[in-house]
Amino acid sequence: MATAMLATVMTAVISLIRTSHAAWEAHEQDYERMENAYATLRHIVRCARQAQAVTHITDPSNPSGQITLLMPSGELHTWQLKSNDSVYYGIGAPNHLLATDINELVFLGYRADGVTQATSVEEIQLVECRTKTILLHGAGESRIVRCKAWLRSW
């Protein structure tokens, strides 16, 4: 009788541990996707705050955005979302993997007032970056993370 009760209790405990572990793993995967989005924005913002100018920016309606910044050293730093949902970064050309699982990368340029969208790269003094990632275990739920950075030259 005691053995049967112990077996029942152990089966229940093992089921509980497996369920908890599966929930933990699901949360970790979604957290990793969100952290990739935040890390991408931190990298872009840190460089944008040091940049002298924007030399290229894609249209805000393009979910596979690209931006190129002119740095004080004269180098051109470029970020681009490629078709494999990965953000690439590089000096001159975006050829180094920065982050994965990013579904959209959008850039907006603003004039010095911080409100009016710039129509040419020469007018850009503020850059807004947006990333979108789809959570694996959130039933297709997506998260959008955004931030703004003033260019150093302003």
N, C-alpha and C. Protein backbone atom coordinates (compact mmCIF):
# COMPACT_ATOMS: atom_id res chain seq x y z
N MET A 1 0.83 -1.19 0.00
CA MET A 1 0.00 0.00 0.00
C MET A 1 0.88 1.27 0.00
N ALA A 2 1.89 1.26 0.84
CA ALA A 2 2.80 2.41 0.92
C ALA A 2 3.55 2.60 -0.39
N THR A 3 3.93 1.50 -1.03
CA THR A 3 4.65 1.59 -2.31
C THR A 3 3.75 2.19 -3.38
N ALA A 4 2.49 1.82 -3.41
CA ALA A 4 1.54 2.35 -4.39
C ALA A 4 1.33 3.85 -4.16
N MET A 5 1.23 4.26 -2.93
CA MET A 5 1.05 5.70 -2.62
C MET A 5 2.31 6.47 -2.99
N LEU A 6 3.47 5.93 -2.69
CA LEU A 6 4.73 6.59 -3.04
C LEU A 6 4.88 6.72 -4.56
N ALA A 7 4.50 5.69 -5.28
CA ALA A 7 4.57 5.74 -6.76
C ALA A 7 3.63 6.81 -7.31
N THR A 8 2.45 6.93 -6.74
CA THR A 8 1.49 7.96 -7.18
C THR A 8 2.04 9.35 -6.91
N VAL A 9 2.59 9.56 -5.74
CA VAL A 9 3.15 10.87 -5.38
C VAL A 9 4.34 11.21 -6.29
N MET A 10 5.21 10.24 -6.53
CA MET A 10 6.38 10.48 -7.39
C MET A 10 5.96 10.79 -8.83
N THR A 11 4.94 10.12 -9.33
CA THR A 11 4.44 10.39 -10.67
C THR A 11 3.90 11.82 -10.76
N ALA A 12 3.18 12.23 -9.75
CA ALA A 12 2.64 13.59 -9.73
C ALA A 12 3.76 14.63 -9.66
N VAL A 13 4.77 14.38 -8.85
CA VAL A 13 5.91 15.31 -8.71
C VAL A 13 6.68 15.40 -10.02
N ILE A 14 6.92 14.27 -10.66
CA ILE A 14 7.65 14.29 -11.94
C ILE A 14 6.86 15.04 -13.00
N SER A 15 5.56 14.85 -13.06
CA SER A 15 4.73 15.60 -14.02
C SER A 15 4.80 17.09 -13.77
N LEU A 16 4.76 17.47 -12.50
CA LEU A 16 4.84 18.88 -12.14
C LEU A 16 6.19 19.47 -12.54
N ILE A 17 7.26 18.74 -12.29
CA ILE A 17 8.60 19.23 -12.64
C ILE A 17 8.74 19.36 -14.15
N ARG A 18 8.26 18.38 -14.92
CA ARG A 18 8.33 18.47 -16.39
C ARG A 18 7.56 19.67 -16.93
N THR A 19 6.37 19.89 -16.41
CA THR A 19 5.56 21.02 -16.85
C THR A 19 6.24 22.34 -16.51
N SER A 20 6.78 22.43 -15.32
CA SER A 20 7.49 23.65 -14.91
C SER A 20 8.72 23.89 -15.77
N HIS A 21 9.45 22.84 -16.08
CA HIS A 21 10.64 22.97 -16.91
C HIS A 21 10.28 23.41 -18.32
N ALA A 22 9.20 22.87 -18.89
CA ALA A 22 8.76 23.27 -20.23
C ALA A 22 8.35 24.74 -20.24
N ALA A 23 7.66 25.17 -19.19
CA ALA A 23 7.27 26.59 -19.11
C ALA A 23 8.50 27.48 -18.98
N TRP A 24 9.47 27.04 -18.21
CA TRP A 24 10.71 27.81 -18.05
C TRP A 24 11.44 27.94 -19.39
N GLU A 25 11.56 26.86 -20.13
CA GLU A 25 12.23 26.87 -21.43
C GLU A 25 11.51 27.81 -22.41
N ALA A 26 10.19 27.76 -22.42
CA ALA A 26 9.42 28.64 -23.30
C ALA A 26 9.66 30.10 -22.96
N HIS A 27 9.66 30.41 -21.68
CA HIS A 27 9.91 31.78 -21.24
C HIS A 27 11.33 32.22 -21.63
N GLU A 28 12.30 31.36 -21.47
CA GLU A 28 13.69 31.67 -21.82
C GLU A 28 13.84 31.97 -23.31
N GLN A 29 13.17 31.22 -24.17
CA GLN A 29 13.25 31.46 -25.61
C GLN A 29 12.64 32.81 -25.98
N ASP A 30 11.50 33.13 -25.40
CA ASP A 30 10.89 34.43 -25.67
C ASP A 30 11.74 35.56 -25.12
N TYR A 31 12.33 35.36 -23.94
CA TYR A 31 13.20 36.37 -23.35
C TYR A 31 14.42 36.62 -24.22
N GLU A 32 14.98 35.56 -24.79
CA GLU A 32 16.15 35.70 -25.66
C GLU A 32 15.81 36.51 -26.91
N ARG A 33 14.63 36.30 -27.47
CA ARG A 33 14.21 37.09 -28.63
C ARG A 33 14.08 38.58 -28.27
N MET A 34 13.48 38.85 -27.11
CA MET A 34 13.34 40.25 -26.69
C MET A 34 14.70 40.87 -26.42
N GLU A 35 15.59 40.13 -25.82
CA GLU A 35 16.93 40.65 -25.53
C GLU A 35 17.68 40.95 -26.83
N ASN A 36 17.48 40.15 -27.86
CA ASN A 36 18.09 40.44 -29.17
C ASN A 36 17.59 41.77 -29.71
N ALA A 37 16.31 42.04 -29.54
CA ALA A 37 15.74 43.31 -30.01
C ALA A 37 16.34 44.49 -29.24
N TYR A 38 16.41 44.37 -27.92
CA TYR A 38 16.98 45.45 -27.11
C TYR A 38 18.47 45.65 -27.40
N ALA A 39 19.20 44.57 -27.56
CA ALA A 39 20.63 44.68 -27.84
C ALA A 39 20.89 45.36 -29.17
N THR A 40 20.07 45.07 -30.16
CA THR A 40 20.20 45.72 -31.47
C THR A 40 20.00 47.22 -31.34
N LEU A 41 18.97 47.62 -30.63
CA LEU A 41 18.70 49.05 -30.45
C LEU A 41 19.81 49.73 -29.67
N ARG A 42 20.30 49.09 -28.63
CA ARG A 42 21.39 49.70 -27.85
C ARG A 42 22.62 49.93 -28.72
N HIS A 43 22.93 48.98 -29.58
CA HIS A 43 24.10 49.10 -30.45
C HIS A 43 23.92 50.26 -31.44
N ILE A 44 22.76 50.34 -32.05
CA ILE A 44 22.51 51.40 -33.03
C ILE A 44 22.50 52.77 -32.35
N VAL A 45 21.85 52.87 -31.22
CA VAL A 45 21.75 54.16 -30.51
C VAL A 45 23.12 54.63 -30.05
N ARG A 46 23.93 53.74 -29.53
CA ARG A 46 25.26 54.13 -29.07
C ARG A 46 26.08 54.73 -30.22
N CYS A 47 26.00 54.12 -31.38
CA CYS A 47 26.74 54.66 -32.54
C CYS A 47 26.08 55.92 -33.09
N ALA A 48 24.75 55.98 -33.08
CA ALA A 48 24.06 57.16 -33.61
C ALA A 48 24.39 58.40 -32.78
N ARG A 49 24.55 58.24 -31.49
CA ARG A 49 24.88 59.38 -30.64
C ARG A 49 26.28 59.92 -30.90
N GLN A 50 27.13 59.11 -31.52
CA GLN A 50 28.47 59.54 -31.86
C GLN A 50 28.59 59.99 -33.31
N ALA A 51 27.57 59.71 -34.12
CA ALA A 51 27.65 59.94 -35.56
C ALA A 51 27.62 61.42 -35.92
N GLN A 52 28.28 61.72 -37.03
CA GLN A 52 28.28 63.08 -37.57
C GLN A 52 27.06 63.33 -38.45
N ALA A 53 26.63 62.29 -39.19
CA ALA A 53 25.51 62.46 -40.11
C ALA A 53 24.97 61.10 -40.53
N VAL A 54 23.76 61.13 -41.06
CA VAL A 54 23.15 59.96 -41.69
C VAL A 54 23.42 60.09 -43.19
N THR A 55 23.99 59.06 -43.78
CA THR A 55 24.25 59.12 -45.22
C THR A 55 23.24 58.32 -46.02
N HIS A 56 22.58 57.36 -45.37
CA HIS A 56 21.54 56.57 -46.04
C HIS A 56 20.57 56.06 -45.00
N ILE A 57 19.27 56.13 -45.34
CA ILE A 57 18.22 55.58 -44.48
C ILE A 57 17.09 55.11 -45.38
N THR A 58 16.56 53.91 -45.08
CA THR A 58 15.46 53.40 -45.90
C THR A 58 14.16 54.08 -45.52
N ASP A 59 13.20 53.97 -46.40
CA ASP A 59 11.88 54.53 -46.18
C ASP A 59 11.23 53.85 -44.97
N PRO A 60 10.51 54.60 -44.13
CA PRO A 60 9.90 54.00 -42.93
C PRO A 60 8.90 52.89 -43.23
N SER A 61 8.40 52.83 -44.45
CA SER A 61 7.45 51.76 -44.79
C SER A 61 8.16 50.45 -45.10
N ASN A 62 9.48 50.47 -45.16
CA ASN A 62 10.26 49.27 -45.46
C ASN A 62 10.56 48.52 -44.16
N PRO A 63 10.00 47.32 -43.95
CA PRO A 63 10.25 46.59 -42.71
C PRO A 63 11.65 45.97 -42.64
N SER A 64 12.37 45.95 -43.74
CA SER A 64 13.75 45.45 -43.76
C SER A 64 14.68 46.65 -43.88
N GLY A 65 14.71 47.44 -42.84
CA GLY A 65 15.41 48.71 -42.88
C GLY A 65 16.92 48.62 -42.95
N GLN A 66 17.49 49.72 -43.41
CA GLN A 66 18.94 49.87 -43.46
C GLN A 66 19.26 51.33 -43.16
N ILE A 67 20.35 51.53 -42.41
CA ILE A 67 20.82 52.87 -42.11
C ILE A 67 22.34 52.87 -42.16
N THR A 68 22.88 53.97 -42.66
CA THR A 68 24.32 54.15 -42.69
C THR A 68 24.64 55.48 -42.03
N LEU A 69 25.58 55.45 -41.09
CA LEU A 69 25.98 56.64 -40.34
C LEU A 69 27.43 56.97 -40.61
N LEU A 70 27.71 58.27 -40.75
CA LEU A 70 29.07 58.76 -40.90
C LEU A 70 29.62 59.05 -39.51
N MET A 71 30.69 58.35 -39.16
CA MET A 71 31.28 58.49 -37.83
C MET A 71 32.37 59.57 -37.86
N PRO A 72 32.78 60.09 -36.70
CA PRO A 72 33.82 61.13 -36.65
C PRO A 72 35.13 60.70 -37.31
N SER A 73 35.40 59.41 -37.32
CA SER A 73 36.64 58.91 -37.93
C SER A 73 36.57 58.89 -39.46
N GLY A 74 35.38 59.16 -40.01
CA GLY A 74 35.19 59.11 -41.46
C GLY A 74 34.67 57.77 -41.94
N GLU A 75 34.57 56.79 -41.03
CA GLU A 75 34.05 55.48 -41.40
C GLU A 75 32.53 55.53 -41.54
N LEU A 76 32.00 54.66 -42.40
CA LEU A 76 30.56 54.52 -42.57
C LEU A 76 30.13 53.22 -41.89
N HIS A 77 29.27 53.35 -40.87
CA HIS A 77 28.75 52.20 -40.15
C HIS A 77 27.34 51.91 -40.67
N THR A 78 27.08 50.65 -41.03
CA THR A 78 25.81 50.28 -41.64
C THR A 78 25.16 49.13 -40.89
N TRP A 79 23.83 49.22 -40.72
CA TRP A 79 23.01 48.16 -40.14
C TRP A 79 21.94 47.82 -41.16
N GLN A 80 21.61 46.54 -41.25
CA GLN A 80 20.57 46.12 -42.20
C GLN A 80 19.92 44.83 -41.71
N LEU A 81 18.59 44.77 -41.87
CA LEU A 81 17.87 43.53 -41.61
C LEU A 81 17.82 42.76 -42.92
N LYS A 82 18.34 41.55 -42.88
CA LYS A 82 18.36 40.73 -44.10
C LYS A 82 17.21 39.73 -44.07
N SER A 83 17.00 39.05 -45.18
CA SER A 83 15.82 38.20 -45.36
C SER A 83 15.74 37.03 -44.39
N ASN A 84 16.79 36.69 -43.71
CA ASN A 84 16.74 35.58 -42.76
C ASN A 84 16.42 36.03 -41.33
N ASP A 85 15.78 37.17 -41.19
CA ASP A 85 15.40 37.74 -39.89
C ASP A 85 16.59 37.96 -38.99
N SER A 86 17.70 38.37 -39.58
CA SER A 86 18.91 38.66 -38.84
C SER A 86 19.39 40.06 -39.16
N VAL A 87 19.85 40.76 -38.15
CA VAL A 87 20.40 42.10 -38.33
C VAL A 87 21.91 41.96 -38.49
N TYR A 88 22.42 42.61 -39.53
CA TYR A 88 23.85 42.61 -39.80
C TYR A 88 24.39 44.02 -39.64
N TYR A 89 25.65 44.11 -39.24
CA TYR A 89 26.31 45.38 -39.00
C TYR A 89 27.71 45.30 -39.62
N GLY A 90 28.20 46.44 -40.05
CA GLY A 90 29.57 46.45 -40.54
C GLY A 90 30.05 47.85 -40.84
N ILE A 91 31.36 47.96 -40.96
CA ILE A 91 31.97 49.22 -41.36
C ILE A 91 32.14 49.14 -42.87
N GLY A 92 31.41 49.98 -43.56
CA GLY A 92 31.40 49.95 -45.02
C GLY A 92 30.25 49.13 -45.55
N ALA A 93 30.16 47.87 -45.14
CA ALA A 93 29.08 46.99 -45.59
C ALA A 93 28.61 46.14 -44.41
N PRO A 94 27.30 45.88 -44.32
CA PRO A 94 26.78 45.08 -43.20
C PRO A 94 27.06 43.59 -43.41
N ASN A 95 28.21 43.12 -42.92
CA ASN A 95 28.59 41.73 -43.16
C ASN A 95 28.85 40.94 -41.88
N HIS A 96 28.58 41.51 -40.71
CA HIS A 96 28.77 40.81 -39.44
C HIS A 96 27.42 40.66 -38.75
N LEU A 97 27.12 39.44 -38.34
CA LEU A 97 25.85 39.17 -37.66
C LEU A 97 25.81 39.89 -36.31
N LEU A 98 24.74 40.67 -36.11
CA LEU A 98 24.56 41.38 -34.85
C LEU A 98 23.50 40.70 -33.99
N ALA A 99 22.36 40.33 -34.58
CA ALA A 99 21.28 39.71 -33.81
C ALA A 99 20.40 38.87 -34.73
N THR A 100 19.76 37.87 -34.13
CA THR A 100 18.84 37.02 -34.87
C THR A 100 17.42 37.20 -34.34
N ASP A 101 16.47 36.61 -35.05
CA ASP A 101 15.05 36.61 -34.65
C ASP A 101 14.43 38.00 -34.60
N ILE A 102 14.91 38.90 -35.44
CA ILE A 102 14.31 40.23 -35.58
C ILE A 102 13.49 40.20 -36.86
N ASN A 103 12.17 40.41 -36.74
CA ASN A 103 11.30 40.30 -37.90
C ASN A 103 11.15 41.60 -38.67
N GLU A 104 11.32 42.72 -38.00
CA GLU A 104 11.26 44.02 -38.66
C GLU A 104 12.29 44.96 -38.04
N LEU A 105 12.88 45.79 -38.89
CA LEU A 105 13.80 46.84 -38.45
C LEU A 105 13.44 48.07 -39.26
N VAL A 106 12.95 49.09 -38.59
CA VAL A 106 12.46 50.30 -39.27
C VAL A 106 13.20 51.51 -38.72
N PHE A 107 13.57 52.41 -39.62
CA PHE A 107 14.25 53.65 -39.24
C PHE A 107 13.44 54.85 -39.71
N LEU A 108 13.38 55.86 -38.84
CA LEU A 108 12.75 57.13 -39.19
C LEU A 108 13.72 58.24 -38.86
N GLY A 109 13.82 59.21 -39.73
CA GLY A 109 14.67 60.36 -39.51
C GLY A 109 13.83 61.59 -39.23
N TYR A 110 14.25 62.39 -38.26
CA TYR A 110 13.52 63.60 -37.89
C TYR A 110 14.42 64.83 -38.00
N ARG A 111 13.78 65.96 -38.20
CA ARG A 111 14.51 67.24 -38.22
C ARG A 111 14.89 67.64 -36.80
N ALA A 112 15.51 68.79 -36.67
CA ALA A 112 16.03 69.26 -35.38
C ALA A 112 14.93 69.50 -34.34
N ASP A 113 13.68 69.71 -34.77
CA ASP A 113 12.61 69.90 -33.78
C ASP A 113 12.20 68.58 -33.12
N GLY A 114 12.64 67.45 -33.67
CA GLY A 114 12.35 66.15 -33.10
C GLY A 114 10.96 65.63 -33.37
N VAL A 115 10.17 66.35 -34.17
CA VAL A 115 8.79 65.97 -34.45
C VAL A 115 8.55 65.79 -35.95
N THR A 116 9.11 66.69 -36.74
CA THR A 116 8.89 66.67 -38.18
C THR A 116 9.80 65.66 -38.84
N GLN A 117 9.19 64.76 -39.62
CA GLN A 117 10.00 63.78 -40.33
C GLN A 117 10.83 64.46 -41.41
N ALA A 118 12.07 64.07 -41.51
CA ALA A 118 12.99 64.63 -42.51
C ALA A 118 12.70 64.00 -43.86
N THR A 119 12.83 64.81 -44.90
CA THR A 119 12.60 64.32 -46.26
C THR A 119 13.91 63.99 -46.97
N SER A 120 15.03 64.43 -46.42
CA SER A 120 16.33 64.10 -47.01
C SER A 120 17.31 63.81 -45.87
N VAL A 121 18.36 63.08 -46.19
CA VAL A 121 19.33 62.70 -45.14
C VAL A 121 20.06 63.91 -44.56
N GLU A 122 20.19 64.98 -45.31
CA GLU A 122 20.87 66.18 -44.81
C GLU A 122 20.12 66.84 -43.66
N GLU A 123 18.80 66.63 -43.59
CA GLU A 123 17.97 67.25 -42.56
C GLU A 123 17.91 66.45 -41.26
N ILE A 124 18.37 65.21 -41.27
CA ILE A 124 18.18 64.31 -40.12
C ILE A 124 19.10 64.70 -38.96
N GLN A 125 18.47 64.96 -37.81
CA GLN A 125 19.20 65.22 -36.56
C GLN A 125 18.82 64.24 -35.47
N LEU A 126 17.71 63.54 -35.68
CA LEU A 126 17.21 62.57 -34.70
C LEU A 126 16.82 61.31 -35.47
N VAL A 127 17.24 60.15 -34.96
CA VAL A 127 16.91 58.88 -35.60
C VAL A 127 16.06 58.06 -34.65
N GLU A 128 14.96 57.54 -35.16
CA GLU A 128 14.14 56.59 -34.39
C GLU A 128 14.33 55.22 -34.99
N CYS A 129 14.55 54.23 -34.13
CA CYS A 129 14.73 52.85 -34.55
C CYS A 129 13.62 52.01 -33.91
N ARG A 130 13.07 51.10 -34.71
CA ARG A 130 12.05 50.19 -34.20
C ARG A 130 12.40 48.76 -34.61
N THR A 131 12.29 47.85 -33.68
CA THR A 131 12.45 46.44 -33.98
C THR A 131 11.18 45.71 -33.60
N LYS A 132 10.89 44.66 -34.34
CA LYS A 132 9.73 43.83 -34.04
C LYS A 132 10.20 42.39 -34.02
N THR A 133 9.77 41.66 -33.00
CA THR A 133 10.08 40.24 -32.90
C THR A 133 8.81 39.49 -32.54
N ILE A 134 8.68 38.30 -33.09
CA ILE A 134 7.51 37.46 -32.81
C ILE A 134 7.91 36.43 -31.76
N LEU A 135 7.14 36.39 -30.69
CA LEU A 135 7.43 35.47 -29.59
C LEU A 135 6.99 34.06 -29.99
N LEU A 136 7.84 33.10 -29.74
CA LEU A 136 7.55 31.72 -30.13
C LEU A 136 6.39 31.12 -29.36
N HIS A 137 6.30 31.43 -28.10
CA HIS A 137 5.31 30.78 -27.25
C HIS A 137 4.21 31.74 -26.82
N GLY A 138 4.06 32.82 -27.55
CA GLY A 138 3.02 33.79 -27.23
C GLY A 138 1.87 33.74 -28.21
N ALA A 139 1.64 32.59 -28.83
CA ALA A 139 0.55 32.39 -29.80
C ALA A 139 0.65 33.41 -30.93
N GLY A 140 1.87 33.63 -31.41
CA GLY A 140 2.07 34.55 -32.53
C GLY A 140 2.12 36.02 -32.12
N GLU A 141 2.13 36.28 -30.83
CA GLU A 141 2.19 37.66 -30.35
C GLU A 141 3.53 38.28 -30.71
N SER A 142 3.50 39.53 -31.09
CA SER A 142 4.75 40.21 -31.43
C SER A 142 4.99 41.35 -30.46
N ARG A 143 6.25 41.71 -30.34
CA ARG A 143 6.65 42.83 -29.48
C ARG A 143 7.43 43.82 -30.31
N ILE A 144 7.11 45.08 -30.15
CA ILE A 144 7.82 46.15 -30.84
C ILE A 144 8.57 46.96 -29.80
N VAL A 145 9.85 47.18 -30.07
CA VAL A 145 10.70 47.96 -29.18
C VAL A 145 11.22 49.13 -29.99
N ARG A 146 11.22 50.32 -29.42
CA ARG A 146 11.66 51.49 -30.15
C ARG A 146 12.45 52.43 -29.26
N CYS A 147 13.28 53.23 -29.90
CA CYS A 147 14.02 54.27 -29.17
C CYS A 147 14.46 55.34 -30.16
N LYS A 148 14.86 56.48 -29.62
CA LYS A 148 15.33 57.60 -30.44
C LYS A 148 16.71 58.03 -29.97
N ALA A 149 17.48 58.56 -30.90
CA ALA A 149 18.83 59.03 -30.57
C ALA A 149 19.14 60.28 -31.37
N TRP A 150 19.64 61.31 -30.69
CA TRP A 150 20.10 62.52 -31.35
C TRP A 150 21.50 62.28 -31.92
N LEU A 151 21.74 62.81 -33.08
CA LEU A 151 23.07 62.71 -33.66
C LEU A 151 24.01 63.68 -32.95
N ARG A 152 25.25 63.31 -32.84
CA ARG A 152 26.25 64.11 -32.15
C ARG A 152 26.44 65.47 -32.81
N SER A 153 26.34 65.51 -34.11
CA SER A 153 26.62 66.76 -34.84
C SER A 153 25.63 67.86 -34.53
N TRP A 154 24.51 67.50 -33.93
CA TRP A 154 23.51 68.53 -33.63
C TRP A 154 23.94 69.26 -32.40
